[in-house]
């Protein structure tokens, strides 16, 4: 039998292994940045399907919090010549965005004249 202290050490490790196994099942493109692992299967999907696939893989939809993480996501966009969904949404205040959990963004890298409020941010 394991003691309480050993059990508390094992639980976070089991969680990390489960998350990594989920990412590795994607098997298409994997890159690391900012202490995170970013992965894609390169398939197009709607936002809710992408959100579910990320959750099923043990992760979450990408939320860039610095330039390095943004570059990792942008590399997928360039590789597949497509767009990427991010884990952000417009807040109740127009042209203000937040993470899906409601916390304010700490990093942005919008193109000129964006966000425009036209729904294609």
N, C-alpha and C. Protein backbone atom coordinates (compact mmCIF):
# COMPACT_ATOMS: atom_id res chain seq x y z
N UNK A 1 0.83 -1.19 0.00
CA UNK A 1 0.00 0.00 0.00
C UNK A 1 0.87 1.24 0.00
N UNK A 2 0.43 2.23 -0.74
CA UNK A 2 1.17 3.47 -0.82
C UNK A 2 0.69 4.44 0.26
N UNK A 3 1.59 5.23 0.78
CA UNK A 3 1.21 6.25 1.76
C UNK A 3 0.54 7.42 1.07
N UNK A 4 -0.08 8.28 1.86
CA UNK A 4 -0.78 9.45 1.33
C UNK A 4 0.15 10.36 0.54
N UNK A 5 1.37 10.53 1.04
CA UNK A 5 2.33 11.41 0.38
C UNK A 5 2.72 10.86 -1.00
N UNK A 6 3.00 9.56 -1.07
CA UNK A 6 3.35 8.94 -2.35
C UNK A 6 2.17 9.01 -3.31
N UNK A 7 0.98 8.76 -2.80
CA UNK A 7 -0.24 8.81 -3.63
C UNK A 7 -0.42 10.20 -4.23
N UNK A 8 -0.16 11.25 -3.43
CA UNK A 8 -0.32 12.62 -3.93
C UNK A 8 0.75 12.96 -4.97
N UNK A 9 1.90 12.29 -4.93
CA UNK A 9 2.95 12.50 -5.93
C UNK A 9 2.60 11.78 -7.24
N UNK A 10 1.96 10.65 -7.15
CA UNK A 10 1.65 9.84 -8.33
C UNK A 10 0.50 10.43 -9.13
N UNK A 11 -0.49 10.98 -8.47
CA UNK A 11 -1.67 11.49 -9.18
C UNK A 11 -1.32 12.53 -10.26
N UNK A 12 -0.51 13.56 -9.95
CA UNK A 12 -0.16 14.52 -11.01
C UNK A 12 0.60 13.86 -12.17
N UNK A 13 1.45 12.88 -11.86
CA UNK A 13 2.19 12.18 -12.91
C UNK A 13 1.25 11.38 -13.81
N UNK A 14 0.29 10.70 -13.21
CA UNK A 14 -0.69 9.94 -13.99
C UNK A 14 -1.47 10.87 -14.91
N UNK A 15 -1.83 12.05 -14.39
CA UNK A 15 -2.57 13.03 -15.18
C UNK A 15 -1.73 13.51 -16.38
N UNK A 16 -0.46 13.81 -16.14
CA UNK A 16 0.41 14.25 -17.23
C UNK A 16 0.59 13.17 -18.29
N UNK A 17 0.78 11.92 -17.86
CA UNK A 17 0.94 10.82 -18.80
C UNK A 17 -0.33 10.66 -19.63
N UNK A 18 -1.50 10.76 -19.01
CA UNK A 18 -2.77 10.63 -19.74
C UNK A 18 -2.91 11.74 -20.78
N UNK A 19 -2.52 12.95 -20.42
CA UNK A 19 -2.59 14.07 -21.37
C UNK A 19 -1.64 13.83 -22.54
N UNK A 20 -0.42 13.40 -22.26
CA UNK A 20 0.55 13.15 -23.32
C UNK A 20 0.10 12.01 -24.22
N UNK A 21 -0.46 10.96 -23.65
CA UNK A 21 -0.98 9.85 -24.46
C UNK A 21 -2.07 10.35 -25.39
N UNK A 22 -2.94 11.23 -24.89
CA UNK A 22 -4.00 11.80 -25.71
C UNK A 22 -3.45 12.58 -26.88
N UNK A 23 -2.43 13.38 -26.63
CA UNK A 23 -1.81 14.17 -27.70
C UNK A 23 -1.15 13.25 -28.72
N UNK A 24 -0.46 12.23 -28.26
CA UNK A 24 0.25 11.35 -29.18
C UNK A 24 -0.70 10.57 -30.08
N UNK A 25 -1.93 10.36 -29.67
CA UNK A 25 -2.89 9.68 -30.53
C UNK A 25 -3.24 10.51 -31.77
N UNK A 26 -2.96 11.80 -31.74
CA UNK A 26 -3.25 12.65 -32.90
C UNK A 26 -2.28 12.35 -34.04
N UNK A 27 -1.04 12.02 -33.73
CA UNK A 27 -0.02 11.53 -34.65
C UNK A 27 0.26 12.35 -35.91
N UNK A 28 -0.24 13.51 -36.05
CA UNK A 28 0.01 14.27 -37.27
C UNK A 28 1.16 15.26 -37.06
N UNK A 29 0.91 16.31 -36.35
CA UNK A 29 1.97 17.31 -36.11
C UNK A 29 1.93 17.68 -34.64
N UNK A 30 3.08 17.66 -34.03
CA UNK A 30 3.20 18.02 -32.61
C UNK A 30 4.36 18.99 -32.48
N UNK A 31 4.16 20.05 -31.70
CA UNK A 31 5.23 20.99 -31.42
C UNK A 31 5.07 21.49 -30.00
N UNK A 32 6.14 21.94 -29.40
CA UNK A 32 6.11 22.44 -28.03
C UNK A 32 6.51 23.91 -28.01
N UNK A 33 5.87 24.65 -27.12
CA UNK A 33 6.22 26.06 -26.91
C UNK A 33 5.65 26.50 -25.57
N UNK A 34 6.40 27.30 -24.85
CA UNK A 34 5.91 27.84 -23.59
C UNK A 34 5.53 26.80 -22.57
N UNK A 35 6.18 25.64 -22.60
CA UNK A 35 5.85 24.58 -21.66
C UNK A 35 4.59 23.82 -22.01
N UNK A 36 4.03 24.08 -23.17
CA UNK A 36 2.82 23.40 -23.63
C UNK A 36 3.15 22.55 -24.85
N UNK A 37 2.32 21.55 -25.09
CA UNK A 37 2.42 20.76 -26.31
C UNK A 37 1.23 21.12 -27.18
N UNK A 38 1.51 21.52 -28.42
CA UNK A 38 0.46 21.85 -29.39
C UNK A 38 0.42 20.75 -30.43
N UNK A 39 -0.76 20.33 -30.80
CA UNK A 39 -0.90 19.26 -31.78
C UNK A 39 -2.10 19.52 -32.67
N UNK A 40 -2.05 18.95 -33.87
CA UNK A 40 -3.17 19.02 -34.80
C UNK A 40 -3.23 17.73 -35.59
N UNK A 41 -4.42 17.41 -36.07
CA UNK A 41 -4.54 16.29 -37.00
C UNK A 41 -4.69 16.81 -38.42
N UNK A 42 -4.73 18.13 -38.57
CA UNK A 42 -4.79 18.76 -39.89
C UNK A 42 -6.15 18.73 -40.54
N UNK A 43 -7.14 18.19 -39.87
CA UNK A 43 -8.47 18.09 -40.46
C UNK A 43 -9.29 19.33 -40.14
N UNK A 44 -10.12 19.74 -41.09
CA UNK A 44 -11.01 20.88 -40.87
C UNK A 44 -12.23 20.42 -40.09
N UNK A 45 -12.68 21.28 -39.20
CA UNK A 45 -13.85 20.98 -38.37
C UNK A 45 -14.45 22.29 -37.89
N UNK A 46 -15.67 22.21 -37.38
CA UNK A 46 -16.25 23.42 -36.79
C UNK A 46 -15.68 23.58 -35.37
N UNK A 47 -15.95 24.72 -34.77
CA UNK A 47 -15.36 25.04 -33.48
C UNK A 47 -15.70 23.99 -32.41
N UNK A 48 -16.98 23.61 -32.32
CA UNK A 48 -17.39 22.68 -31.27
C UNK A 48 -16.77 21.29 -31.45
N UNK A 49 -16.60 20.85 -32.69
CA UNK A 49 -15.94 19.57 -32.95
C UNK A 49 -14.47 19.66 -32.54
N UNK A 50 -13.81 20.76 -32.89
CA UNK A 50 -12.40 20.95 -32.52
C UNK A 50 -12.25 20.97 -31.00
N UNK A 51 -13.16 21.65 -30.33
CA UNK A 51 -13.13 21.72 -28.87
C UNK A 51 -13.26 20.32 -28.26
N UNK A 52 -14.18 19.52 -28.80
CA UNK A 52 -14.39 18.16 -28.30
C UNK A 52 -13.18 17.26 -28.58
N UNK A 53 -12.61 17.35 -29.78
CA UNK A 53 -11.44 16.54 -30.12
C UNK A 53 -10.28 16.84 -29.17
N UNK A 54 -10.08 18.12 -28.88
CA UNK A 54 -9.01 18.50 -27.95
C UNK A 54 -9.27 17.92 -26.57
N UNK A 55 -10.50 18.02 -26.11
CA UNK A 55 -10.85 17.49 -24.79
C UNK A 55 -10.69 15.97 -24.76
N UNK A 56 -11.15 15.29 -25.83
CA UNK A 56 -11.02 13.83 -25.91
C UNK A 56 -9.56 13.38 -25.89
N UNK A 57 -8.66 14.24 -26.40
CA UNK A 57 -7.23 13.92 -26.42
C UNK A 57 -6.56 14.25 -25.08
N UNK A 58 -7.34 14.77 -24.13
CA UNK A 58 -6.79 15.09 -22.82
C UNK A 58 -6.23 16.49 -22.72
N UNK A 59 -6.55 17.33 -23.68
CA UNK A 59 -6.04 18.69 -23.67
C UNK A 59 -7.15 19.71 -23.76
N UNK A 60 -6.82 20.85 -24.32
CA UNK A 60 -7.79 21.92 -24.53
C UNK A 60 -7.44 22.63 -25.83
N UNK A 61 -8.38 23.38 -26.33
CA UNK A 61 -8.15 24.12 -27.57
C UNK A 61 -7.07 25.18 -27.31
N UNK A 62 -6.28 25.49 -28.29
CA UNK A 62 -5.13 26.37 -28.12
C UNK A 62 -5.51 27.75 -27.61
N UNK A 63 -4.74 28.21 -26.64
CA UNK A 63 -4.90 29.56 -26.08
C UNK A 63 -3.52 30.19 -25.97
N UNK A 64 -3.07 30.86 -27.03
CA UNK A 64 -1.72 31.44 -26.99
C UNK A 64 -1.60 32.53 -25.93
N UNK A 65 -0.60 32.40 -25.09
CA UNK A 65 -0.39 33.37 -24.00
C UNK A 65 0.92 34.14 -24.16
N UNK A 66 1.63 33.86 -25.28
CA UNK A 66 2.85 34.61 -25.56
C UNK A 66 3.21 34.40 -27.03
N UNK A 67 4.21 35.13 -27.50
CA UNK A 67 4.59 35.08 -28.92
C UNK A 67 5.04 33.69 -29.36
N UNK A 68 5.75 32.96 -28.51
CA UNK A 68 6.21 31.62 -28.87
C UNK A 68 5.05 30.66 -29.09
N UNK A 69 4.07 30.71 -28.22
CA UNK A 69 2.89 29.86 -28.37
C UNK A 69 2.10 30.27 -29.61
N UNK A 70 1.99 31.56 -29.84
CA UNK A 70 1.31 32.05 -31.04
C UNK A 70 2.01 31.55 -32.30
N UNK A 71 3.34 31.58 -32.30
CA UNK A 71 4.11 31.09 -33.45
C UNK A 71 3.90 29.59 -33.68
N UNK A 72 3.78 28.82 -32.59
CA UNK A 72 3.54 27.38 -32.73
C UNK A 72 2.21 27.13 -33.43
N UNK A 73 1.19 27.85 -33.03
CA UNK A 73 -0.13 27.71 -33.64
C UNK A 73 -0.09 28.19 -35.09
N UNK A 74 0.59 29.30 -35.31
CA UNK A 74 0.70 29.84 -36.67
C UNK A 74 1.43 28.87 -37.61
N UNK A 75 2.36 28.07 -37.07
CA UNK A 75 3.05 27.10 -37.92
C UNK A 75 2.07 26.06 -38.47
N UNK A 76 1.07 25.67 -37.68
CA UNK A 76 0.04 24.75 -38.16
C UNK A 76 -0.80 25.41 -39.25
N UNK A 77 -1.13 26.67 -39.03
CA UNK A 77 -1.94 27.42 -40.01
C UNK A 77 -1.21 27.47 -41.35
N UNK A 78 0.08 27.75 -41.30
CA UNK A 78 0.87 27.81 -42.53
C UNK A 78 1.02 26.43 -43.16
N UNK A 79 1.29 25.40 -42.37
CA UNK A 79 1.47 24.04 -42.89
C UNK A 79 0.24 23.54 -43.63
N UNK A 80 -0.92 23.82 -43.08
CA UNK A 80 -2.16 23.30 -43.65
C UNK A 80 -2.91 24.34 -44.48
N UNK A 81 -2.34 25.55 -44.60
CA UNK A 81 -2.95 26.62 -45.38
C UNK A 81 -4.42 26.80 -45.00
N UNK A 82 -4.64 27.01 -43.72
CA UNK A 82 -6.00 27.13 -43.19
C UNK A 82 -6.00 28.07 -42.01
N UNK A 83 -7.04 28.07 -41.25
CA UNK A 83 -7.17 28.89 -40.05
C UNK A 83 -7.10 27.97 -38.83
N UNK A 84 -7.06 28.58 -37.65
CA UNK A 84 -7.07 27.80 -36.40
C UNK A 84 -8.09 28.43 -35.46
N UNK A 85 -8.80 27.60 -34.76
CA UNK A 85 -9.67 28.09 -33.70
C UNK A 85 -8.83 28.28 -32.45
N UNK A 86 -9.15 29.32 -31.70
CA UNK A 86 -8.46 29.58 -30.45
C UNK A 86 -9.45 29.53 -29.30
N UNK A 87 -8.97 29.30 -28.12
CA UNK A 87 -9.82 29.22 -26.94
C UNK A 87 -10.14 30.58 -26.37
N UNK A 88 -10.61 31.47 -27.23
CA UNK A 88 -11.02 32.80 -26.80
C UNK A 88 -12.37 33.13 -27.41
N UNK A 89 -13.04 34.09 -26.81
CA UNK A 89 -14.34 34.52 -27.31
C UNK A 89 -14.51 36.00 -27.04
N UNK A 90 -15.44 36.61 -27.76
CA UNK A 90 -15.72 38.02 -27.54
C UNK A 90 -16.49 38.15 -26.23
N UNK A 91 -16.14 39.14 -25.45
CA UNK A 91 -16.82 39.35 -24.17
C UNK A 91 -18.13 40.12 -24.42
N UNK A 92 -18.81 40.47 -23.38
CA UNK A 92 -20.05 41.26 -23.51
C UNK A 92 -19.74 42.67 -23.99
N UNK A 93 -18.50 43.09 -23.84
CA UNK A 93 -18.07 44.40 -24.33
C UNK A 93 -17.55 44.20 -25.75
N UNK A 94 -18.19 44.83 -26.75
CA UNK A 94 -17.76 44.63 -28.15
C UNK A 94 -16.27 44.92 -28.34
N UNK A 95 -15.65 44.10 -29.18
CA UNK A 95 -14.23 44.19 -29.53
C UNK A 95 -13.30 43.88 -28.37
N UNK A 96 -13.82 43.35 -27.29
CA UNK A 96 -13.01 42.89 -26.16
C UNK A 96 -13.13 41.37 -26.12
N UNK A 97 -12.01 40.71 -25.98
CA UNK A 97 -12.00 39.25 -25.99
C UNK A 97 -11.49 38.71 -24.67
N UNK A 98 -11.86 37.46 -24.40
CA UNK A 98 -11.46 36.80 -23.16
C UNK A 98 -11.27 35.31 -23.44
N UNK A 99 -10.61 34.63 -22.51
CA UNK A 99 -10.49 33.18 -22.62
C UNK A 99 -11.86 32.56 -22.42
N UNK A 100 -12.05 31.33 -22.85
CA UNK A 100 -13.35 30.67 -22.76
C UNK A 100 -13.86 30.60 -21.32
N UNK A 101 -12.95 30.58 -20.35
CA UNK A 101 -13.38 30.53 -18.95
C UNK A 101 -13.75 31.90 -18.40
N UNK A 102 -13.67 32.95 -19.25
CA UNK A 102 -14.06 34.30 -18.83
C UNK A 102 -12.93 35.18 -18.35
N UNK A 103 -11.72 34.64 -18.20
CA UNK A 103 -10.61 35.48 -17.75
C UNK A 103 -10.12 36.35 -18.91
N UNK A 104 -9.64 37.55 -18.60
CA UNK A 104 -9.20 38.47 -19.66
C UNK A 104 -7.94 37.96 -20.36
N UNK A 105 -7.78 38.35 -21.62
CA UNK A 105 -6.59 37.97 -22.37
C UNK A 105 -5.38 38.71 -21.81
N UNK A 106 -4.28 38.00 -21.73
CA UNK A 106 -3.04 38.61 -21.27
C UNK A 106 -2.08 38.83 -22.43
N UNK A 107 -2.42 38.29 -23.61
CA UNK A 107 -1.57 38.41 -24.79
C UNK A 107 -2.47 38.46 -26.02
N UNK A 108 -2.18 39.38 -26.92
CA UNK A 108 -2.86 39.42 -28.22
C UNK A 108 -1.84 39.76 -29.29
N UNK A 109 -2.17 39.38 -30.51
CA UNK A 109 -1.31 39.68 -31.65
C UNK A 109 -2.21 39.82 -32.89
N UNK A 110 -3.15 40.74 -32.81
CA UNK A 110 -4.12 40.92 -33.89
C UNK A 110 -3.46 41.54 -35.12
N UNK A 111 -3.99 41.22 -36.29
CA UNK A 111 -3.60 41.92 -37.52
C UNK A 111 -4.11 43.35 -37.44
N UNK A 112 -3.59 44.22 -38.29
CA UNK A 112 -4.05 45.61 -38.33
C UNK A 112 -5.56 45.63 -38.56
N UNK A 113 -6.24 46.55 -37.90
CA UNK A 113 -7.69 46.75 -38.00
C UNK A 113 -8.51 45.56 -37.48
N UNK A 114 -7.90 44.72 -36.71
CA UNK A 114 -8.63 43.61 -36.08
C UNK A 114 -8.57 43.77 -34.56
N UNK A 115 -9.50 43.29 -33.85
CA UNK A 115 -10.71 42.65 -34.34
C UNK A 115 -11.68 43.67 -34.94
N UNK A 116 -12.31 43.28 -36.01
CA UNK A 116 -13.21 44.19 -36.72
C UNK A 116 -14.66 44.03 -36.30
N UNK A 117 -14.96 42.98 -35.55
CA UNK A 117 -16.33 42.75 -35.12
C UNK A 117 -17.20 42.11 -36.19
N UNK A 118 -16.58 41.58 -37.24
CA UNK A 118 -17.34 40.97 -38.34
C UNK A 118 -17.45 39.47 -38.19
N UNK A 119 -17.03 38.92 -37.03
CA UNK A 119 -17.19 37.51 -36.78
C UNK A 119 -16.11 36.63 -37.37
N UNK A 120 -15.11 37.18 -38.00
CA UNK A 120 -14.03 36.41 -38.60
C UNK A 120 -12.70 36.86 -38.03
N UNK A 121 -12.64 36.96 -36.74
CA UNK A 121 -11.45 37.51 -36.10
C UNK A 121 -10.30 36.55 -36.13
